[in-house]
Amino acid sequence: MSIRPIPILMYHAVETTERSDKYKHFYVTAKELQRQIKELKARGYQAISLDQLVAGLAGGPLPAKPVVLTFDDGYQNVLTNVHPTLSEANWPYAIYLVSERLGGRNEWVEAEGYDATPLLTEDEIRELAQSPLVTLGAHTATHPKLDQLSLDTARSEIFRSKQQLEETFQRPMQHFCYPYGHFNNSVVALVREAGYLTATTTQHGRVQESGEDLLRLPRVSIYHVPAFSLTYGPGALNFRWRVESRKDKRELG
């Protein structure tokens, strides 16, 4: 059965209340997420896991309008503001974890003038991982820009995070996410060597039914848009446009 291109939605934090404007690309509110799930369901979408995506691209069954939900960095508010909503919807999702920052904060944003946000603890991740809806993935050991590291250092970040997360949570880590969306051919080769099945980028686009490189998967960034915004238009319409748009901004060459 022919399917439409598949959006992988990229979320970060999901906050209880709005933050100042400079944080708008780092989060959505819990109410926004709830409205977005209702919108997706109303438009006929069905969430699938990353494993289901891999199987479907290999010829397995997929719903008519699949969507994949991913949450970068592993913020503590995934437990309070994401899991209840997606559990109620019975929708799977993936969390990409920074293995040496569990229980800490996303301190990598402080150098750019942002306040750090708490990350999930090991126990909280174990609680979430009890759900069959939750996929755990790796997001390196310390969240560096991999394409700016030596190959040996990049290799260590990629391999170390996989090993640490597998030892801590006693499950295979088969899915990876490039911090900041930074990668190059050498980094992709290391991710392949480490044995990951998929790797997600920040390049805007939707996954094609065939010919897709599973280690360079595009995503659609979802971020905070107020109900009425002069910049982005009405929040609900902006979300709908982002999900439904066929625009592909990847560098495919």
Protein backbone atom coordinates (compact mmCIF):
# COMPACT_ATOMS: atom_id res chain seq x y z
CA MET A 1 0.00 0.00 0.00
CA SER A 2 1.35 3.39 -0.94
CA ILE A 3 1.73 5.81 1.95
CA ARG A 4 2.21 9.52 2.23
CA PRO A 5 5.59 10.90 3.36
CA ILE A 6 5.93 10.39 7.12
CA PRO A 7 6.55 13.34 9.46
CA ILE A 8 8.86 12.76 12.42
CA LEU A 9 8.01 15.51 14.89
CA MET A 10 10.90 16.97 16.90
CA TYR A 11 9.99 18.23 20.36
CA HIS A 12 12.23 19.38 23.19
CA ALA A 13 10.87 20.45 26.58
CA VAL A 14 7.14 20.51 27.35
CA GLU A 15 6.53 23.21 29.95
CA THR A 16 3.59 23.82 32.27
CA THR A 17 3.63 27.57 31.60
CA GLU A 18 4.95 29.83 28.86
CA ARG A 19 8.55 31.02 28.98
CA SER A 20 10.07 34.24 27.67
CA ASP A 21 10.22 34.70 23.90
CA LYS A 22 13.89 33.74 23.58
CA TYR A 23 13.03 30.17 24.62
CA LYS A 24 10.24 29.68 22.07
CA HIS A 25 12.17 27.19 19.93
CA PHE A 26 13.07 25.06 22.95
CA TYR A 27 9.61 24.05 24.13
CA VAL A 28 5.87 23.78 23.76
CA THR A 29 3.39 24.03 26.61
CA ALA A 30 1.56 20.99 27.94
CA LYS A 31 -1.72 22.47 26.66
CA GLU A 32 -0.20 22.95 23.22
CA LEU A 33 0.88 19.31 23.15
CA GLN A 34 -2.60 18.17 24.17
CA ARG A 35 -4.19 20.25 21.41
CA GLN A 36 -1.66 18.99 18.88
CA ILE A 37 -2.38 15.34 19.65
CA LYS A 38 -6.11 15.99 19.25
CA GLU A 39 -5.42 17.80 15.97
CA LEU A 40 -3.32 14.94 14.64
CA LYS A 41 -5.98 12.38 15.57
CA ALA A 42 -8.71 14.51 14.01
CA ARG A 43 -6.73 14.63 10.75
CA GLY A 44 -6.36 10.86 10.68
CA TYR A 45 -2.79 10.46 11.91
CA GLN A 46 -1.66 7.45 13.93
CA ALA A 47 1.58 7.52 15.89
CA ILE A 48 4.11 4.75 15.30
CA SER A 49 7.37 3.93 17.04
CA LEU A 50 10.81 4.21 15.46
CA ASP A 51 10.95 0.41 15.27
CA GLN A 52 7.62 0.39 13.41
CA LEU A 53 8.99 3.04 11.06
CA VAL A 54 12.02 0.88 10.24
CA ALA A 55 9.83 -2.17 9.67
CA GLY A 56 7.38 -0.19 7.56
CA LEU A 57 10.10 1.27 5.33
CA ALA A 58 11.30 -2.30 4.80
CA GLY A 59 7.86 -3.25 3.47
CA GLY A 60 5.94 -3.98 6.65
CA PRO A 61 2.46 -2.67 7.43
CA LEU A 62 1.94 0.99 8.29
CA PRO A 63 -1.19 3.04 8.97
CA ALA A 64 -2.44 5.31 6.20
CA LYS A 65 -1.11 8.46 7.91
CA PRO A 66 1.75 7.57 10.25
CA VAL A 67 3.53 10.10 12.43
CA VAL A 68 6.54 9.64 14.74
CA LEU A 69 6.96 11.66 17.95
CA THR A 70 10.47 12.32 19.29
CA PHE A 71 11.63 14.30 22.33
CA ASP A 72 15.25 15.45 22.42
CA ASP A 73 17.50 15.69 25.50
CA GLY A 74 15.30 13.85 28.03
CA TYR A 75 13.77 16.71 30.01
CA GLN A 76 12.23 15.94 33.37
CA ASN A 77 8.94 17.42 32.21
CA VAL A 78 8.53 14.49 29.80
CA LEU A 79 7.46 12.50 32.84
CA THR A 80 4.88 15.04 34.04
CA ASN A 81 3.71 16.75 30.85
CA VAL A 82 4.24 14.28 28.01
CA HIS A 83 3.77 10.74 29.25
CA PRO A 84 0.26 11.21 30.73
CA THR A 85 -1.02 12.78 27.49
CA LEU A 86 0.51 10.20 25.18
CA SER A 87 -0.43 7.31 27.46
CA GLU A 88 -4.05 8.45 27.35
CA ALA A 89 -3.83 8.59 23.56
CA ASN A 90 -2.02 5.22 23.51
CA TRP A 91 0.59 6.80 21.24
CA PRO A 92 4.25 5.68 21.24
CA TYR A 93 7.11 8.15 21.40
CA ALA A 94 10.91 8.27 21.66
CA ILE A 95 13.15 10.07 24.16
CA TYR A 96 16.77 10.80 23.20
CA LEU A 97 19.00 10.75 26.29
CA VAL A 98 22.36 12.39 26.99
CA SER A 99 24.00 9.55 28.90
CA GLU A 100 26.38 11.52 31.16
CA ARG A 101 23.84 14.20 32.04
CA LEU A 102 21.02 12.04 33.45
CA GLY A 103 19.57 13.72 36.53
CA GLY A 104 21.41 16.94 35.72
CA ARG A 105 20.50 19.88 33.51
CA ASN A 106 20.97 20.78 29.87
CA GLU A 107 24.02 22.83 30.83
CA TRP A 108 25.15 23.03 27.19
CA VAL A 109 22.74 25.95 26.64
CA GLU A 110 24.24 28.15 29.37
CA ALA A 111 27.15 29.31 27.21
CA GLU A 112 24.57 30.82 24.84
CA GLY A 113 22.84 32.75 27.61
CA TYR A 114 19.97 30.40 28.41
CA ASP A 115 18.94 28.98 31.78
CA ALA A 116 19.37 25.22 32.06
CA THR A 117 16.37 22.89 32.45
CA PRO A 118 16.29 19.73 34.63
CA LEU A 119 16.74 16.38 32.92
CA LEU A 120 15.22 13.02 33.79
CA THR A 121 16.92 10.95 36.49
CA GLU A 122 17.78 7.29 36.04
CA ASP A 123 14.84 6.25 38.22
CA GLU A 124 12.43 8.45 36.29
CA ILE A 125 13.64 6.98 33.02
CA ARG A 126 13.16 3.48 34.40
CA GLU A 127 9.61 4.43 35.38
CA LEU A 128 8.89 5.68 31.87
CA ALA A 129 10.60 2.70 30.26
CA GLN A 130 8.14 0.34 31.90
CA SER A 131 5.61 1.53 29.32
CA PRO A 132 5.64 -0.28 25.96
CA LEU A 133 4.92 3.10 24.39
CA VAL A 134 8.37 4.49 25.26
CA THR A 135 11.49 4.06 23.13
CA LEU A 136 14.81 5.16 24.61
CA GLY A 137 17.45 6.49 22.25
CA ALA A 138 20.96 7.91 22.52
CA HIS A 139 21.89 11.58 22.12
CA THR A 140 25.65 11.22 22.81
CA ALA A 141 27.37 11.31 26.19
CA THR A 142 27.64 15.10 26.67
CA HIS A 143 25.71 16.76 23.77
CA PRO A 144 28.58 18.18 21.68
CA LYS A 145 28.57 19.29 18.05
CA LEU A 146 29.91 16.07 16.61
CA ASP A 147 31.13 17.50 13.32
CA GLN A 148 33.42 19.87 15.24
CA LEU A 149 35.21 17.09 17.14
CA SER A 150 38.12 14.91 16.17
CA LEU A 151 37.01 11.53 14.84
CA ASP A 152 38.32 9.78 17.95
CA THR A 153 36.38 12.12 20.26
CA ALA A 154 33.24 11.83 18.15
CA ARG A 155 33.57 8.06 18.17
CA SER A 156 33.85 8.09 21.96
CA GLU A 157 30.72 10.24 22.32
CA ILE A 158 28.69 8.01 20.01
CA PHE A 159 29.89 4.64 21.29
CA ARG A 160 30.08 5.67 24.97
CA SER A 161 26.49 6.86 25.11
CA LYS A 162 25.23 3.62 23.60
CA GLN A 163 27.22 1.48 26.02
CA GLN A 164 26.31 3.55 29.08
CA LEU A 165 22.60 3.64 28.33
CA GLU A 166 22.47 -0.07 27.52
CA GLU A 167 24.24 -0.95 30.77
CA THR A 168 22.09 1.40 32.85
CA PHE A 169 18.69 0.45 31.43
CA GLN A 170 19.38 -3.09 30.25
CA ARG A 171 17.90 -2.64 26.80
CA PRO A 172 19.42 -2.14 23.35
CA MET A 173 19.90 1.42 22.14
CA GLN A 174 19.10 1.24 18.45
CA HIS A 175 18.17 4.85 17.74
CA PHE A 176 20.37 7.93 17.75
CA CYS A 177 19.89 11.69 17.44
CA TYR A 178 22.61 14.17 16.34
CA PRO A 179 22.99 16.98 18.92
CA TYR A 180 22.19 20.38 17.38
CA GLY A 181 21.58 18.47 14.15
CA HIS A 182 25.33 18.61 13.44
CA PHE A 183 26.75 15.74 11.40
CA ASN A 184 28.83 14.97 8.34
CA ASN A 185 29.69 11.85 6.37
CA SER A 186 32.36 10.80 8.87
CA VAL A 187 29.97 11.16 11.81
CA VAL A 188 27.29 9.16 9.97
CA ALA A 189 29.86 6.42 9.34
CA LEU A 190 30.61 6.26 13.08
CA VAL A 191 26.91 6.03 13.92
CA ARG A 192 26.59 3.16 11.44
CA GLU A 193 29.67 1.47 12.90
CA ALA A 194 28.16 1.74 16.40
CA GLY A 195 25.20 -0.31 15.21
CA TYR A 196 22.32 2.15 15.38
CA LEU A 197 19.30 1.42 13.18
CA THR A 198 18.23 5.05 12.79
CA ALA A 199 19.58 8.53 13.37
CA THR A 200 17.48 11.68 13.28
CA THR A 201 18.61 15.12 12.17
CA THR A 202 17.17 18.63 12.45
CA GLN A 203 16.89 18.96 8.68
CA HIS A 204 13.33 19.84 7.73
CA GLY A 205 11.51 17.23 5.69
CA ARG A 206 9.32 14.16 5.79
CA VAL A 207 10.48 10.56 5.52
CA GLN A 208 9.92 9.09 2.07
CA GLU A 209 8.52 5.62 1.53
CA SER A 210 11.60 4.38 -0.32
CA GLY A 211 15.21 5.37 -0.78
CA GLU A 212 15.49 7.01 2.63
CA ASP A 213 18.82 6.93 4.49
CA LEU A 214 17.85 5.71 7.96
CA LEU A 215 20.88 7.45 9.47
CA ARG A 216 19.92 10.87 8.07
CA LEU A 217 16.21 11.01 8.85
CA PRO A 218 14.62 14.46 8.53
CA ARG A 219 12.20 15.86 11.09
CA VAL A 220 9.66 18.62 11.53
CA SER A 221 10.53 20.96 14.40
CA ILE A 222 7.60 21.71 16.72
CA TYR A 223 7.98 24.72 19.00
CA HIS A 224 5.93 27.18 21.00
CA VAL A 225 3.60 29.38 18.99
CA PRO A 226 1.05 31.48 20.92
CA ALA A 227 -2.61 31.20 20.02
CA PHE A 228 -2.15 34.38 17.96
CA SER A 229 1.30 35.35 16.66
CA LEU A 230 2.19 38.15 14.25
CA THR A 231 5.28 36.17 13.24
CA TYR A 232 3.87 32.66 12.86
CA GLY A 233 0.13 33.21 12.55
CA PRO A 234 -2.44 31.36 14.67
CA GLY A 235 -0.72 28.60 16.64
CA ALA A 236 -3.10 25.84 15.53
CA LEU A 237 -2.76 26.73 11.86
CA ASN A 238 1.02 27.00 12.15
CA PHE A 239 1.18 23.48 13.62
CA ARG A 240 -1.09 22.09 10.92
CA TRP A 241 1.01 23.71 8.19
CA ARG A 242 4.26 22.39 9.63
CA VAL A 243 2.96 18.83 9.81
CA GLU A 244 1.20 18.79 6.43
CA SER A 245 3.74 20.76 4.36
CA ARG A 246 5.65 18.72 1.79
CA LYS A 247 8.59 21.14 1.80
CA ASP A 248 11.95 19.44 2.08
CA LYS A 249 14.88 21.62 3.06
CA ARG A 250 17.47 18.87 3.28
CA GLU A 251 20.76 18.95 1.46
CA LEU A 252 20.18 15.73 -0.39
CA GLY A 253 23.38 15.76 -2.41
